[in-house]
Amino acid sequence: MLRYRTRDLVRRVPAATCACGRGFDIYDGGIRGRVDDMKVVRGTNVYPRAIEQIVRRWPEIAEFQVRLYTVEGIRDEIEVLIECTDQEADGVPGDLLGDLGRELAEAHEGLRFGVRIAEANSLPRFELKAKRLVDDRQVWGATTGERKAM
């Protein structure tokens, strides 16, 4: 992985790996993510791209959204809202919510993720670069000492 000055993450493929005789490097798969997408939740670095890689392993999940919010004005929380592919049927398969929550926690130093089912077709659909993270947390004002939305 390389970081451009634009803070995009890409994967360089050297020209030598191509049998076609290409004399220049290419960047495989386009932009993989952004360096500045990282969020800190209760002291743990959270990358939306890492969450997406885990969620996309579950074929039962049609769409998802990550939401960051503040509880009681002091504690940051993170939750993943999911829409299942067949949400009209008998709910979610097996212990999908618990299993997904555990897998996300294991990948993020034990950070507890809330996982909830969203109403069918309530989450926005995206093409190309996805913005699936909603940050509704509150921060202290630098000079006023009051809480304000990020």
C-alpha atoms as a PDB file:
ATOM      1  CA  MET A   1       0.000   0.000   0.000  1.00  0.00           C
ATOM      2  CA  LEU A   2       1.115   3.508  -0.774  1.00  0.00           C
ATOM      3  CA  ARG A   3      -0.177   6.814   0.449  1.00  0.00           C
ATOM      4  CA  TYR A   4      -0.531   9.623  -2.036  1.00  0.00           C
ATOM      5  CA  ARG A   5      -0.318  13.177  -0.836  1.00  0.00           C
ATOM      6  CA  THR A   6      -4.117  13.220  -1.334  1.00  0.00           C
ATOM      7  CA  ARG A   7      -4.256  10.651   1.523  1.00  0.00           C
ATOM      8  CA  ASP A   8      -5.713   7.969  -0.750  1.00  0.00           C
ATOM      9  CA  LEU A   9      -4.614   4.374  -0.160  1.00  0.00           C
ATOM     10  CA  VAL A  10      -3.625   2.421  -3.278  1.00  0.00           C
ATOM     11  CA  ARG A  11      -1.742  -0.794  -4.078  1.00  0.00           C
ATOM     12  CA  ARG A  12       1.159  -0.412  -6.529  1.00  0.00           C
ATOM     13  CA  VAL A  13       1.723  -3.174  -9.065  1.00  0.00           C
ATOM     14  CA  PRO A  14       5.267  -2.973 -10.497  1.00  0.00           C
ATOM     15  CA  ALA A  15       5.666  -3.066 -14.281  1.00  0.00           C
ATOM     16  CA  ALA A  16       7.873  -6.167 -13.960  1.00  0.00           C
ATOM     17  CA  THR A  17       4.895  -8.302 -12.860  1.00  0.00           C
ATOM     18  CA  CYS A  18       3.132  -7.908 -16.217  1.00  0.00           C
ATOM     19  CA  ALA A  19       4.070 -10.227 -19.101  1.00  0.00           C
ATOM     20  CA  CYS A  20       2.666  -7.743 -21.646  1.00  0.00           C
ATOM     21  CA  GLY A  21       5.820  -5.604 -21.615  1.00  0.00           C
ATOM     22  CA  ARG A  22       4.251  -2.610 -19.909  1.00  0.00           C
ATOM     23  CA  GLY A  23       7.008  -0.191 -18.871  1.00  0.00           C
ATOM     24  CA  PHE A  24       5.216   1.596 -16.038  1.00  0.00           C
ATOM     25  CA  ASP A  25       3.646   0.779 -12.687  1.00  0.00           C
ATOM     26  CA  ILE A  26      -0.106   0.632 -12.236  1.00  0.00           C
ATOM     27  CA  TYR A  27      -2.315   0.893  -9.176  1.00  0.00           C
ATOM     28  CA  ASP A  28      -4.421  -2.222  -8.720  1.00  0.00           C
ATOM     29  CA  GLY A  29      -8.123  -1.842  -8.008  1.00  0.00           C
ATOM     30  CA  GLY A  30      -8.174   1.935  -7.878  1.00  0.00           C
ATOM     31  CA  ILE A  31      -8.427   3.744  -4.555  1.00  0.00           C
ATOM     32  CA  ARG A  32      -8.691   1.300  -1.635  1.00  0.00           C
ATOM     33  CA  GLY A  33      -9.624   3.858   0.992  1.00  0.00           C
ATOM     34  CA  ARG A  34      -8.490   7.041   2.650  1.00  0.00           C
ATOM     35  CA  VAL A  35      -6.027   7.559   5.460  1.00  0.00           C
ATOM     36  CA  ASP A  36      -8.163  10.283   7.018  1.00  0.00           C
ATOM     37  CA  ASP A  37     -11.259   8.059   7.240  1.00  0.00           C
ATOM     38  CA  MET A  38      -9.994   6.680  10.563  1.00  0.00           C
ATOM     39  CA  LYS A  39     -12.095   7.441  13.625  1.00  0.00           C
ATOM     40  CA  VAL A  40     -11.147   6.971  17.269  1.00  0.00           C
ATOM     41  CA  VAL A  41     -13.793   5.368  19.464  1.00  0.00           C
ATOM     42  CA  ARG A  42     -12.957   4.958  23.156  1.00  0.00           C
ATOM     43  CA  GLY A  43      -9.221   4.950  22.360  1.00  0.00           C
ATOM     44  CA  THR A  44      -9.445   2.419  19.508  1.00  0.00           C
ATOM     45  CA  ASN A  45      -8.658   3.278  15.889  1.00  0.00           C
ATOM     46  CA  VAL A  46     -11.581   2.307  13.656  1.00  0.00           C
ATOM     47  CA  TYR A  47     -11.285   2.251   9.870  1.00  0.00           C
ATOM     48  CA  PRO A  48     -14.594   2.114   7.967  1.00  0.00           C
ATOM     49  CA  ARG A  49     -12.886   0.014   5.288  1.00  0.00           C
ATOM     50  CA  ALA A  50     -11.961  -2.664   7.871  1.00  0.00           C
ATOM     51  CA  ILE A  51     -15.575  -2.794   9.055  1.00  0.00           C
ATOM     52  CA  GLU A  52     -16.758  -3.134   5.461  1.00  0.00           C
ATOM     53  CA  GLN A  53     -14.386  -6.044   4.802  1.00  0.00           C
ATOM     54  CA  ILE A  54     -15.882  -7.932   7.747  1.00  0.00           C
ATOM     55  CA  VAL A  55     -19.520  -7.100   6.999  1.00  0.00           C
ATOM     56  CA  ARG A  56     -19.186  -8.028   3.306  1.00  0.00           C
ATOM     57  CA  ARG A  57     -18.164 -11.590   4.267  1.00  0.00           C
ATOM     58  CA  TRP A  58     -21.763 -12.201   5.331  1.00  0.00           C
ATOM     59  CA  PRO A  59     -23.912 -12.975   2.252  1.00  0.00           C
ATOM     60  CA  GLU A  60     -27.057 -12.422   4.357  1.00  0.00           C
ATOM     61  CA  ILE A  61     -26.283  -8.693   4.634  1.00  0.00           C
ATOM     62  CA  ALA A  62     -27.521  -6.573   1.733  1.00  0.00           C
ATOM     63  CA  GLU A  63     -26.459  -3.134   3.029  1.00  0.00           C
ATOM     64  CA  PHE A  64     -24.981  -1.580   6.166  1.00  0.00           C
ATOM     65  CA  GLN A  65     -24.180   1.720   7.833  1.00  0.00           C
ATOM     66  CA  VAL A  66     -21.840   2.544  10.725  1.00  0.00           C
ATOM     67  CA  ARG A  67     -23.085   5.091  13.237  1.00  0.00           C
ATOM     68  CA  LEU A  68     -20.997   6.842  15.905  1.00  0.00           C
ATOM     69  CA  TYR A  69     -22.837   8.666  18.671  1.00  0.00           C
ATOM     70  CA  THR A  70     -22.400   9.950  22.218  1.00  0.00           C
ATOM     71  CA  VAL A  71     -24.289   8.519  25.210  1.00  0.00           C
ATOM     72  CA  GLU A  72     -25.000  10.597  28.300  1.00  0.00           C
ATOM     73  CA  GLY A  73     -22.849  13.351  26.833  1.00  0.00           C
ATOM     74  CA  ILE A  74     -19.586  11.576  27.649  1.00  0.00           C
ATOM     75  CA  ARG A  75     -19.237   8.071  26.207  1.00  0.00           C
ATOM     76  CA  ASP A  76     -18.733   7.375  22.491  1.00  0.00           C
ATOM     77  CA  GLU A  77     -20.550   4.362  21.055  1.00  0.00           C
ATOM     78  CA  ILE A  78     -20.388   2.610  17.698  1.00  0.00           C
ATOM     79  CA  GLU A  79     -23.108   0.570  16.062  1.00  0.00           C
ATOM     80  CA  VAL A  80     -23.589  -1.144  12.735  1.00  0.00           C
ATOM     81  CA  LEU A  81     -27.052  -1.045  11.179  1.00  0.00           C
ATOM     82  CA  ILE A  82     -27.666  -3.857   8.708  1.00  0.00           C
ATOM     83  CA  GLU A  83     -30.305  -4.787   6.176  1.00  0.00           C
ATOM     84  CA  CYS A  84     -30.592  -8.487   5.430  1.00  0.00           C
ATOM     85  CA  THR A  85     -31.073  -9.827   1.916  1.00  0.00           C
ATOM     86  CA  ASP A  86     -34.342 -11.564   2.875  1.00  0.00           C
ATOM     87  CA  GLN A  87     -35.594  -9.335   5.667  1.00  0.00           C
ATOM     88  CA  GLU A  88     -39.250 -10.131   5.069  1.00  0.00           C
ATOM     89  CA  ALA A  89     -38.716 -13.767   6.113  1.00  0.00           C
ATOM     90  CA  ASP A  90     -38.348 -15.094   9.667  1.00  0.00           C
ATOM     91  CA  GLY A  91     -35.966 -12.400  10.897  1.00  0.00           C
ATOM     92  CA  VAL A  92     -32.201 -12.828  10.778  1.00  0.00           C
ATOM     93  CA  PRO A  93     -30.494 -16.177  10.255  1.00  0.00           C
ATOM     94  CA  GLY A  94     -29.050 -17.845  13.353  1.00  0.00           C
ATOM     95  CA  ASP A  95     -27.139 -15.553  15.675  1.00  0.00           C
ATOM     96  CA  LEU A  96     -26.053 -13.153  12.921  1.00  0.00           C
ATOM     97  CA  LEU A  97     -26.139 -10.085  15.163  1.00  0.00           C
ATOM     98  CA  GLY A  98     -24.090 -11.680  17.940  1.00  0.00           C
ATOM     99  CA  ASP A  99     -21.604 -13.357  15.596  1.00  0.00           C
ATOM    100  CA  LEU A 100     -21.041 -10.178  13.594  1.00  0.00           C
ATOM    101  CA  GLY A 101     -20.625  -8.130  16.778  1.00  0.00           C
ATOM    102  CA  ARG A 102     -18.024 -10.579  18.116  1.00  0.00           C
ATOM    103  CA  GLU A 103     -16.116 -10.632  14.821  1.00  0.00           C
ATOM    104  CA  LEU A 104     -16.014  -6.825  14.682  1.00  0.00           C
ATOM    105  CA  ALA A 105     -14.851  -6.645  18.325  1.00  0.00           C
ATOM    106  CA  GLU A 106     -12.076  -9.193  17.738  1.00  0.00           C
ATOM    107  CA  ALA A 107     -10.791  -7.165  14.793  1.00  0.00           C
ATOM    108  CA  HIS A 108     -10.858  -3.914  16.795  1.00  0.00           C
ATOM    109  CA  GLU A 109      -9.050  -4.696  20.054  1.00  0.00           C
ATOM    110  CA  GLY A 110     -12.212  -5.786  21.868  1.00  0.00           C
ATOM    111  CA  LEU A 111     -14.191  -2.609  21.118  1.00  0.00           C
ATOM    112  CA  ARG A 112     -17.867  -3.421  21.661  1.00  0.00           C
ATOM    113  CA  PHE A 113     -19.994  -2.841  18.547  1.00  0.00           C
ATOM    114  CA  GLY A 114     -23.752  -2.637  18.706  1.00  0.00           C
ATOM    115  CA  VAL A 115     -25.323  -4.454  15.760  1.00  0.00           C
ATOM    116  CA  ARG A 116     -28.963  -3.753  14.892  1.00  0.00           C
ATOM    117  CA  ILE A 117     -31.358  -4.569  12.085  1.00  0.00           C
ATOM    118  CA  ALA A 118     -32.497  -1.544  10.087  1.00  0.00           C
ATOM    119  CA  GLU A 119     -35.876  -1.382   8.393  1.00  0.00           C
ATOM    120  CA  ALA A 120     -35.920  -2.862   4.890  1.00  0.00           C
ATOM    121  CA  ASN A 121     -34.679  -0.375   2.263  1.00  0.00           C
ATOM    122  CA  SER A 122     -34.056   2.333   4.885  1.00  0.00           C
ATOM    123  CA  LEU A 123     -30.274   2.537   4.439  1.00  0.00           C
ATOM    124  CA  PRO A 124     -28.905   4.611   1.555  1.00  0.00           C
ATOM    125  CA  ARG A 125     -27.426   2.749  -1.403  1.00  0.00           C
ATOM    126  CA  PHE A 126     -24.055   3.879  -2.757  1.00  0.00           C
ATOM    127  CA  GLU A 127     -22.085   3.576  -5.946  1.00  0.00           C
ATOM    128  CA  LEU A 128     -18.322   3.914  -6.338  1.00  0.00           C
ATOM    129  CA  LYS A 129     -16.886   5.600  -3.219  1.00  0.00           C
ATOM    130  CA  ALA A 130     -19.156   4.745  -0.339  1.00  0.00           C
ATOM    131  CA  LYS A 131     -19.787   6.984   2.645  1.00  0.00           C
ATOM    132  CA  ARG A 132     -21.370   4.551   5.041  1.00  0.00           C
ATOM    133  CA  LEU A 133     -20.199   6.215   8.241  1.00  0.00           C
ATOM    134  CA  VAL A 134     -22.413   8.668  10.142  1.00  0.00           C
ATOM    135  CA  ASP A 135     -20.643  10.493  12.975  1.00  0.00           C
ATOM    136  CA  ASP A 136     -23.195  12.030  15.358  1.00  0.00           C
ATOM    137  CA  ARG A 137     -20.791  12.343  18.288  1.00  0.00           C
ATOM    138  CA  GLN A 138     -20.501  15.424  20.442  1.00  0.00           C
ATOM    139  CA  VAL A 139     -17.198  17.204  21.154  1.00  0.00           C
ATOM    140  CA  TRP A 140     -16.287  19.873  23.667  1.00  0.00           C
ATOM    141  CA  GLY A 141     -15.907  23.364  22.208  1.00  0.00           C
ATOM    142  CA  ALA A 142     -12.315  24.547  22.400  1.00  0.00           C
ATOM    143  CA  THR A 143     -13.135  27.933  23.854  1.00  0.00           C
ATOM    144  CA  THR A 144     -16.708  27.789  25.078  1.00  0.00           C
ATOM    145  CA  GLY A 145     -16.572  24.542  27.046  1.00  0.00           C
ATOM    146  CA  GLU A 146     -19.946  23.454  25.647  1.00  0.00           C
ATOM    147  CA  ARG A 147     -20.789  20.325  23.668  1.00  0.00           C
ATOM    148  CA  LYS A 148     -21.398  20.575  19.938  1.00  0.00           C
ATOM    149  CA  ALA A 149     -21.967  18.126  17.102  1.00  0.00           C
ATOM    150  CA  MET A 150     -18.938  17.028  15.089  1.00  0.00           C
END
